[in-house]
PDB file of N, CA and C in Angstrom:
ATOM      1  N   MET A   1      20.794 118.068 -35.075  1.00  0.00           N
ATOM      2  CA  MET A   1      19.463 117.686 -34.672  1.00  0.00           C
ATOM      3  C   MET A   1      19.493 116.273 -34.118  1.00  0.00           C
ATOM      4  N   SER A   2      18.814 116.037 -33.004  1.00  0.00           N
ATOM      5  CA  SER A   2      18.845 114.720 -32.392  1.00  0.00           C
ATOM      6  C   SER A   2      17.846 113.792 -33.058  1.00  0.00           C
ATOM      7  N   ASP A   3      18.097 112.517 -32.928  1.00  0.00           N
ATOM      8  CA  ASP A   3      17.234 111.499 -33.497  1.00  0.00           C
ATOM      9  C   ASP A   3      15.997 111.345 -32.618  1.00  0.00           C
ATOM     10  N   PRO A   4      14.774 111.589 -33.140  1.00  0.00           N
ATOM     11  CA  PRO A   4      13.580 111.505 -32.310  1.00  0.00           C
ATOM     12  C   PRO A   4      13.362 110.115 -31.721  1.00  0.00           C
ATOM     13  N   GLY A   5      13.869 109.090 -32.372  1.00  0.00           N
ATOM     14  CA  GLY A   5      13.713 107.733 -31.859  1.00  0.00           C
ATOM     15  C   GLY A   5      14.595 107.434 -30.665  1.00  0.00           C
ATOM     16  N   SER A   6      15.591 108.295 -30.389  1.00  0.00           N
ATOM     17  CA  SER A   6      16.513 108.029 -29.280  1.00  0.00           C
ATOM     18  C   SER A   6      16.005 108.574 -27.949  1.00  0.00           C
ATOM     19  N   ALA A   7      15.030 109.474 -27.976  1.00  0.00           N
ATOM     20  CA  ALA A   7      14.503 110.052 -26.743  1.00  0.00           C
ATOM     21  C   ALA A   7      13.581 109.044 -26.049  1.00  0.00           C
ATOM     22  N   ALA A   8      13.619 109.047 -24.727  1.00  0.00           N
ATOM     23  CA  ALA A   8      12.752 108.149 -23.970  1.00  0.00           C
ATOM     24  C   ALA A   8      11.302 108.605 -24.100  1.00  0.00           C
ATOM     25  N   ALA A   9      10.427 107.661 -24.324  1.00  0.00           N
ATOM     26  CA  ALA A   9       8.999 107.969 -24.411  1.00  0.00           C
ATOM     27  C   ALA A   9       8.449 108.175 -23.010  1.00  0.00           C
ATOM     28  N   PRO A  10       7.363 108.945 -22.859  1.00  0.00           N
ATOM     29  CA  PRO A  10       6.789 109.169 -21.537  1.00  0.00           C
ATOM     30  C   PRO A  10       6.503 107.877 -20.766  1.00  0.00           C
ATOM     31  N   ALA A  11       6.134 106.822 -21.455  1.00  0.00           N
ATOM     32  CA  ALA A  11       5.864 105.551 -20.772  1.00  0.00           C
ATOM     33  C   ALA A  11       7.133 104.974 -20.139  1.00  0.00           C
ATOM     34  N   ASP A  12       8.296 105.373 -20.629  1.00  0.00           N
ATOM     35  CA  ASP A  12       9.571 104.892 -20.084  1.00  0.00           C
ATOM     36  C   ASP A  12      10.085 105.785 -18.955  1.00  0.00           C
ATOM     37  N   TRP A  13       9.455 106.934 -18.738  1.00  0.00           N
ATOM     38  CA  TRP A  13       9.886 107.843 -17.681  1.00  0.00           C
ATOM     39  C   TRP A  13       9.572 107.232 -16.321  1.00  0.00           C
ATOM     40  N   PRO A  14      10.350 107.580 -15.307  1.00  0.00           N
ATOM     41  CA  PRO A  14      10.073 107.048 -13.967  1.00  0.00           C
ATOM     42  C   PRO A  14       8.755 107.569 -13.409  1.00  0.00           C
ATOM     43  N   LEU A  15       8.190 106.797 -12.500  1.00  0.00           N
ATOM     44  CA  LEU A  15       6.934 107.150 -11.853  1.00  0.00           C
ATOM     45  C   LEU A  15       7.217 107.933 -10.579  1.00  0.00           C
ATOM     46  N   TYR A  16       6.472 109.007 -10.359  1.00  0.00           N
ATOM     47  CA  TYR A  16       6.597 109.844  -9.162  1.00  0.00           C
ATOM     48  C   TYR A  16       5.272 109.856  -8.418  1.00  0.00           C
ATOM     49  N   GLU A  17       5.330 109.791  -7.096  1.00  0.00           N
ATOM     50  CA  GLU A  17       4.158 109.964  -6.252  1.00  0.00           C
ATOM     51  C   GLU A  17       4.067 111.443  -5.900  1.00  0.00           C
ATOM     52  N   VAL A  18       2.856 111.993  -5.867  1.00  0.00           N
ATOM     53  CA  VAL A  18       2.653 113.422  -5.651  1.00  0.00           C
ATOM     54  C   VAL A  18       1.905 113.642  -4.338  1.00  0.00           C
ATOM     55  N   PHE A  19       2.427 114.580  -3.529  1.00  0.00           N
ATOM     56  CA  PHE A  19       1.821 114.952  -2.254  1.00  0.00           C
ATOM     57  C   PHE A  19       1.609 116.463  -2.252  1.00  0.00           C
ATOM     58  N   ILE A  20       0.427 116.896  -1.806  1.00  0.00           N
ATOM     59  CA  ILE A  20       0.070 118.323  -1.790  1.00  0.00           C
ATOM     60  C   ILE A  20      -0.337 118.718  -0.376  1.00  0.00           C
ATOM     61  N   ARG A  21       0.105 119.900   0.052  1.00  0.00           N
ATOM     62  CA  ARG A  21      -0.388 120.475   1.318  1.00  0.00           C
ATOM     63  C   ARG A  21      -1.338 121.604   0.957  1.00  0.00           C
ATOM     64  N   SER A  22      -2.561 121.517   1.463  1.00  0.00           N
ATOM     65  CA  SER A  22      -3.560 122.545   1.170  1.00  0.00           C
ATOM     66  C   SER A  22      -3.343 123.757   2.068  1.00  0.00           C
ATOM     67  N   ARG A  23      -3.994 124.852   1.735  1.00  0.00           N
ATOM     68  CA  ARG A  23      -3.864 126.078   2.532  1.00  0.00           C
ATOM     69  C   ARG A  23      -4.275 125.857   3.980  1.00  0.00           C
ATOM     70  N   SER A  24      -5.314 125.075   4.194  1.00  0.00           N
ATOM     71  CA  SER A  24      -5.809 124.867   5.554  1.00  0.00           C
ATOM     72  C   SER A  24      -5.202 123.637   6.230  1.00  0.00           C
ATOM     73  N   GLY A  25      -4.397 122.879   5.510  1.00  0.00           N
ATOM     74  CA  GLY A  25      -3.850 121.639   6.065  1.00  0.00           C
ATOM     75  C   GLY A  25      -2.493 121.815   6.704  1.00  0.00           C
ATOM     76  N   LEU A  26      -2.185 120.909   7.601  1.00  0.00           N
ATOM     77  CA  LEU A  26      -0.880 120.914   8.267  1.00  0.00           C
ATOM     78  C   LEU A  26       0.056 119.855   7.707  1.00  0.00           C
ATOM     79  N   GLU A  27      -0.513 118.918   6.939  1.00  0.00           N
ATOM     80  CA  GLU A  27       0.304 117.840   6.413  1.00  0.00           C
ATOM     81  C   GLU A  27       0.101 117.698   4.902  1.00  0.00           C
ATOM     82  N   HIS A  28       1.071 117.068   4.269  1.00  0.00           N
ATOM     83  CA  HIS A  28       0.952 116.770   2.846  1.00  0.00           C
ATOM     84  C   HIS A  28       0.119 115.501   2.695  1.00  0.00           C
ATOM     85  N   LYS A  29      -0.740 115.476   1.686  1.00  0.00           N
ATOM     86  CA  LYS A  29      -1.582 114.310   1.425  1.00  0.00           C
ATOM     87  C   LYS A  29      -1.283 113.781   0.035  1.00  0.00           C
ATOM     88  N   HIS A  30      -1.271 112.457  -0.087  1.00  0.00           N
ATOM     89  CA  HIS A  30      -1.043 111.832  -1.384  1.00  0.00           C
ATOM     90  C   HIS A  30      -2.246 112.109  -2.283  1.00  0.00           C
ATOM     91  N   VAL A  31      -1.972 112.639  -3.481  1.00  0.00           N
ATOM     92  CA  VAL A  31      -3.053 112.976  -4.398  1.00  0.00           C
ATOM     93  C   VAL A  31      -3.000 112.180  -5.693  1.00  0.00           C
ATOM     94  N   GLY A  32      -1.891 111.505  -5.950  1.00  0.00           N
ATOM     95  CA  GLY A  32      -1.797 110.718  -7.172  1.00  0.00           C
ATOM     96  C   GLY A  32      -0.367 110.460  -7.573  1.00  0.00           C
ATOM     97  N   SER A  33      -0.208 110.014  -8.796  1.00  0.00           N
ATOM     98  CA  SER A  33       1.128 109.739  -9.320  1.00  0.00           C
ATOM     99  C   SER A  33       1.178 110.140 -10.787  1.00  0.00           C
ATOM    100  N   LEU A  34       2.385 110.308 -11.288  1.00  0.00           N
ATOM    101  CA  LEU A  34       2.583 110.689 -12.683  1.00  0.00           C
ATOM    102  C   LEU A  34       3.961 110.270 -13.148  1.00  0.00           C
ATOM    103  N   HIS A  35       4.128 110.177 -14.458  1.00  0.00           N
ATOM    104  CA  HIS A  35       5.421 109.879 -15.060  1.00  0.00           C
ATOM    105  C   HIS A  35       6.070 111.193 -15.475  1.00  0.00           C
ATOM    106  N   ALA A  36       7.378 111.315 -15.245  1.00  0.00           N
ATOM    107  CA  ALA A  36       8.115 112.509 -15.660  1.00  0.00           C
ATOM    108  C   ALA A  36       9.569 112.126 -15.923  1.00  0.00           C
ATOM    109  N   ALA A  37      10.231 112.916 -16.760  1.00  0.00           N
ATOM    110  CA  ALA A  37      11.622 112.636 -17.107  1.00  0.00           C
ATOM    111  C   ALA A  37      12.561 112.854 -15.922  1.00  0.00           C
ATOM    112  N   ASP A  38      12.239 113.840 -15.054  1.00  0.00           N
ATOM    113  CA  ASP A  38      13.057 114.121 -13.876  1.00  0.00           C
ATOM    114  C   ASP A  38      12.187 114.795 -12.815  1.00  0.00           C
ATOM    115  N   ALA A  39      12.780 115.068 -11.655  1.00  0.00           N
ATOM    116  CA  ALA A  39      12.016 115.630 -10.536  1.00  0.00           C
ATOM    117  C   ALA A  39      11.468 117.018 -10.856  1.00  0.00           C
ATOM    118  N   ARG A  40      12.237 117.819 -11.555  1.00  0.00           N
ATOM    119  CA  ARG A  40      11.766 119.165 -11.902  1.00  0.00           C
ATOM    120  C   ARG A  40      10.516 119.108 -12.779  1.00  0.00           C
ATOM    121  N   MET A  41      10.544 118.225 -13.767  1.00  0.00           N
ATOM    122  CA  MET A  41       9.383 118.059 -14.628  1.00  0.00           C
ATOM    123  C   MET A  41       8.207 117.493 -13.827  1.00  0.00           C
ATOM    124  N   ALA A  42       8.479 116.612 -12.879  1.00  0.00           N
ATOM    125  CA  ALA A  42       7.414 116.040 -12.044  1.00  0.00           C
ATOM    126  C   ALA A  42       6.708 117.124 -11.243  1.00  0.00           C
ATOM    127  N   VAL A  43       7.474 118.066 -10.684  1.00  0.00           N
ATOM    128  CA  VAL A  43       6.870 119.164  -9.931  1.00  0.00           C
ATOM    129  C   VAL A  43       6.017 120.041 -10.858  1.00  0.00           C
ATOM    130  N   GLU A  44       6.534 120.323 -12.038  1.00  0.00           N
ATOM    131  CA  GLU A  44       5.775 121.150 -12.986  1.00  0.00           C
ATOM    132  C   GLU A  44       4.475 120.469 -13.395  1.00  0.00           C
ATOM    133  N   HIS A  45       4.546 119.179 -13.710  1.00  0.00           N
ATOM    134  CA  HIS A  45       3.333 118.446 -14.089  1.00  0.00           C
ATOM    135  C   HIS A  45       2.367 118.354 -12.912  1.00  0.00           C
ATOM    136  N   ALA A  46       2.885 118.117 -11.715  1.00  0.00           N
ATOM    137  CA  ALA A  46       2.031 118.025 -10.524  1.00  0.00           C
ATOM    138  C   ALA A  46       1.307 119.345 -10.301  1.00  0.00           C
ATOM    139  N   ARG A  47       2.015 120.450 -10.479  1.00  0.00           N
ATOM    140  CA  ARG A  47       1.389 121.768 -10.324  1.00  0.00           C
ATOM    141  C   ARG A  47       0.256 121.937 -11.337  1.00  0.00           C
ATOM    142  N   ASP A  48       0.499 121.536 -12.583  1.00  0.00           N
ATOM    143  CA  ASP A  48      -0.518 121.681 -13.627  1.00  0.00           C
ATOM    144  C   ASP A  48      -1.719 120.767 -13.402  1.00  0.00           C
ATOM    145  N   VAL A  49      -1.464 119.542 -12.959  1.00  0.00           N
ATOM    146  CA  VAL A  49      -2.532 118.551 -12.852  1.00  0.00           C
ATOM    147  C   VAL A  49      -3.293 118.640 -11.534  1.00  0.00           C
ATOM    148  N   TYR A  50      -2.592 118.849 -10.433  1.00  0.00           N
ATOM    149  CA  TYR A  50      -3.208 118.715  -9.111  1.00  0.00           C
ATOM    150  C   TYR A  50      -3.492 120.033  -8.383  1.00  0.00           C
ATOM    151  N   THR A  51      -3.044 121.161  -8.904  1.00  0.00           N
ATOM    152  CA  THR A  51      -3.303 122.436  -8.207  1.00  0.00           C
ATOM    153  C   THR A  51      -3.858 123.476  -9.177  1.00  0.00           C
ATOM    154  N   ARG A  52      -4.861 123.113  -9.911  1.00  0.00           N
ATOM    155  CA  ARG A  52      -5.436 124.009 -10.924  1.00  0.00           C
ATOM    156  C   ARG A  52      -6.019 125.287 -10.340  1.00  0.00           C
ATOM    157  N   ARG A  53      -6.624 125.199  -9.164  1.00  0.00           N
ATOM    158  CA  ARG A  53      -7.290 126.373  -8.590  1.00  0.00           C
ATOM    159  C   ARG A  53      -6.507 126.972  -7.431  1.00  0.00           C
ATOM    160  N   GLN A  54      -5.203 126.805  -7.445  1.00  0.00           N
ATOM    161  CA  GLN A  54      -4.326 127.383  -6.425  1.00  0.00           C
ATOM    162  C   GLN A  54      -4.640 126.893  -5.014  1.00  0.00           C
ATOM    163  N   GLU A  55      -5.184 125.666  -4.897  1.00  0.00           N
ATOM    164  CA  GLU A  55      -5.525 125.164  -3.569  1.00  0.00           C
ATOM    165  C   GLU A  55      -4.320 124.610  -2.809  1.00  0.00           C
ATOM    166  N   GLY A  56      -3.239 124.321  -3.474  1.00  0.00           N
ATOM    167  CA  GLY A  56      -2.063 123.789  -2.799  1.00  0.00           C
ATOM    168  C   GLY A  56      -1.035 124.861  -2.499  1.00  0.00           C
ATOM    169  N   VAL A  57      -0.388 124.757  -1.342  1.00  0.00           N
ATOM    170  CA  VAL A  57       0.662 125.707  -0.993  1.00  0.00           C
ATOM    171  C   VAL A  57       2.050 125.067  -1.047  1.00  0.00           C
ATOM    172  N   SER A  58       2.085 123.728  -1.137  1.00  0.00           N
ATOM    173  CA  SER A  58       3.359 123.029  -1.191  1.00  0.00           C
ATOM    174  C   SER A  58       3.176 121.716  -1.937  1.00  0.00           C
ATOM    175  N   ILE A  59       4.148 121.373  -2.772  1.00  0.00           N
ATOM    176  CA  ILE A  59       4.108 120.135  -3.547  1.00  0.00           C
ATOM    177  C   ILE A  59       5.358 119.329  -3.245  1.00  0.00           C
ATOM    178  N   TRP A  60       5.170 118.064  -2.951  1.00  0.00           N
ATOM    179  CA  TRP A  60       6.285 117.116  -2.837  1.00  0.00           C
ATOM    180  C   TRP A  60       6.122 116.080  -3.931  1.00  0.00           C
ATOM    181  N   VAL A  61       7.207 115.718  -4.591  1.00  0.00           N
ATOM    182  CA  VAL A  61       7.207 114.576  -5.507  1.00  0.00           C
ATOM    183  C   VAL A  61       8.304 113.623  -5.055  1.00  0.00           C
ATOM    184  N   VAL A  62       7.991 112.339  -5.088  1.00  0.00           N
ATOM    185  CA  VAL A  62       8.937 111.305  -4.654  1.00  0.00           C
ATOM    186  C   VAL A  62       9.005 110.249  -5.738  1.00  0.00           C
ATOM    187  N   ARG A  63      10.200 110.003  -6.228  1.00  0.00           N
ATOM    188  CA  ARG A  63      10.372 108.961  -7.241  1.00  0.00           C
ATOM    189  C   ARG A  63      10.056 107.614  -6.599  1.00  0.00           C
ATOM    190  N   CYS A  64       9.202 106.857  -7.237  1.00  0.00           N
ATOM    191  CA  CYS A  64       8.742 105.591  -6.651  1.00  0.00           C
ATOM    192  C   CYS A  64       9.894 104.659  -6.305  1.00  0.00           C
ATOM    193  N   SER A  65      10.938 104.665  -7.092  1.00  0.00           N
ATOM    194  CA  SER A  65      12.075 103.778  -6.820  1.00  0.00           C
ATOM    195  C   SER A  65      12.839 104.214  -5.574  1.00  0.00           C
ATOM    196  N   SER A  66      12.565 105.412  -5.050  1.00  0.00           N
ATOM    197  CA  SER A  66      13.239 105.907  -3.848  1.00  0.00           C
ATOM    198  C   SER A  66      12.429 105.682  -2.582  1.00  0.00           C
ATOM    199  N   ARG A  67      11.215 105.154  -2.708  1.00  0.00           N
ATOM    200  CA  ARG A  67      10.369 104.922  -1.531  1.00  0.00           C
ATOM    201  C   ARG A  67      10.949 103.810  -0.671  1.00  0.00           C
ATOM    202  N   ARG A  68      10.745 103.927   0.605  1.00  0.00           N
ATOM    203  CA  ARG A  68      11.124 102.878   1.552  1.00  0.00           C
ATOM    204  C   ARG A  68       9.958 102.680   2.500  1.00  0.00           C
ATOM    205  N   ALA A  69       9.774 101.457   2.961  1.00  0.00           N
ATOM    206  CA  ALA A  69       8.668 101.159   3.866  1.00  0.00           C
ATOM    207  C   ALA A  69       9.167 100.237   4.973  1.00  0.00           C
ATOM    208  N   THR A  70       8.406 100.200   6.042  1.00  0.00           N
ATOM    209  CA  THR A  70       8.714  99.296   7.142  1.00  0.00           C
ATOM    210  C   THR A  70       7.532  98.368   7.348  1.00  0.00           C
ATOM    211  N   ARG A  71       7.785  97.275   8.013  1.00  0.00           N
ATOM    212  CA  ARG A  71       6.696  96.385   8.412  1.00  0.00           C
ATOM    213  C   ARG A  71       6.074  96.939   9.678  1.00  0.00           C
ATOM    214  N   SER A  72       4.853  96.534   9.955  1.00  0.00           N
ATOM    215  CA  SER A  72       4.180  97.037  11.155  1.00  0.00           C
ATOM    216  C   SER A  72       4.940  96.649  12.418  1.00  0.00           C
ATOM    217  N   THR A  73       5.684  95.534  12.398  1.00  0.00           N
ATOM    218  CA  THR A  73       6.447  95.119  13.578  1.00  0.00           C
ATOM    219  C   THR A  73       7.616  96.058  13.852  1.00  0.00           C
ATOM    220  N   ALA A  74       8.047  96.804  12.838  1.00  0.00           N
ATOM    221  CA  ALA A  74       9.170  97.730  13.015  1.00  0.00           C
ATOM    222  C   ALA A  74       8.728  99.057  13.610  1.00  0.00           C
ATOM    223  N   ILE A  75       7.425  99.258  13.787  1.00  0.00           N
ATOM    224  CA  ILE A  75       6.902 100.530  14.269  1.00  0.00           C
ATOM    225  C   ILE A  75       6.658 100.509  15.778  1.00  0.00           C
ATOM    226  N   ARG A  76       6.822  99.361  16.408  1.00  0.00           N
ATOM    227  CA  ARG A  76       6.587  99.270  17.849  1.00  0.00           C
ATOM    228  C   ARG A  76       7.428 100.291  18.598  1.00  0.00           C
ATOM    229  N   PRO A  77       6.888 100.848  19.688  1.00  0.00           N
ATOM    230  CA  PRO A  77       7.653 101.822  20.471  1.00  0.00           C
ATOM    231  C   PRO A  77       8.934 101.206  21.014  1.00  0.00           C
ATOM    232  N   SER A  78       9.954 101.996  21.047  1.00  0.00           N
ATOM    233  CA  SER A  78      11.231 101.536  21.565  1.00  0.00           C
ATOM    234  C   SER A  78      11.188 101.457  23.084  1.00  0.00           C
ATOM    235  N   THR A  79      11.767 100.415  23.650  1.00  0.00           N
ATOM    236  CA  THR A  79      11.833 100.280  25.104  1.00  0.00           C
ATOM    237  C   THR A  79      13.050 101.017  25.659  1.00  0.00           C
ATOM    238  N   ARG A  80      13.939 101.432  24.796  1.00  0.00           N
ATOM    239  CA  ARG A  80      15.150 102.130  25.242  1.00  0.00           C
ATOM    240  C   ARG A  80      14.846 103.453  25.931  1.00  0.00           C
ATOM    241  N   TYR A  81      13.793 104.122  25.540  1.00  0.00           N
ATOM    242  CA  TYR A  81      13.542 105.467  26.040  1.00  0.00           C
ATOM    243  C   TYR A  81      12.364 105.551  27.002  1.00  0.00           C
ATOM    244  N   ARG A  82      11.887 104.447  27.467  1.00  0.00           N
ATOM    245  CA  ARG A  82      10.751 104.470  28.406  1.00  0.00           C
ATOM    246  C   ARG A  82      11.197 104.986  29.747  1.00  0.00           C
ATOM    247  N   THR A  83      10.333 105.755  30.370  1.00  0.00           N
ATOM    248  CA  THR A  83      10.601 106.235  31.728  1.00  0.00           C
ATOM    249  C   THR A  83       9.839 105.381  32.727  1.00  0.00           C
ATOM    250  N   ARG A  84      10.325 105.315  33.922  1.00  0.00           N
ATOM    251  CA  ARG A  84       9.669 104.484  34.940  1.00  0.00           C
ATOM    252  C   ARG A  84       8.943 105.313  35.929  1.00  0.00           C
TER     253      ARG A  84
END
């Protein structure tokens, strides 16, 4: 039997961002975040919390520590591919 004090508490679990695509939608929309021990558990919790009435057709979960962002200056159109 394992020591109950050795297991990570839910507050120590990583944070996941949750995105849902609705039946009528073409894109996934951010609906919230949750803590889970791993990605599989995050998907299960997201399904239970955010798709109670079967309104979602697809669920994405992203571990917050895996997110990457760019500055607005990095989004400028590239001049390499412009046509004249």
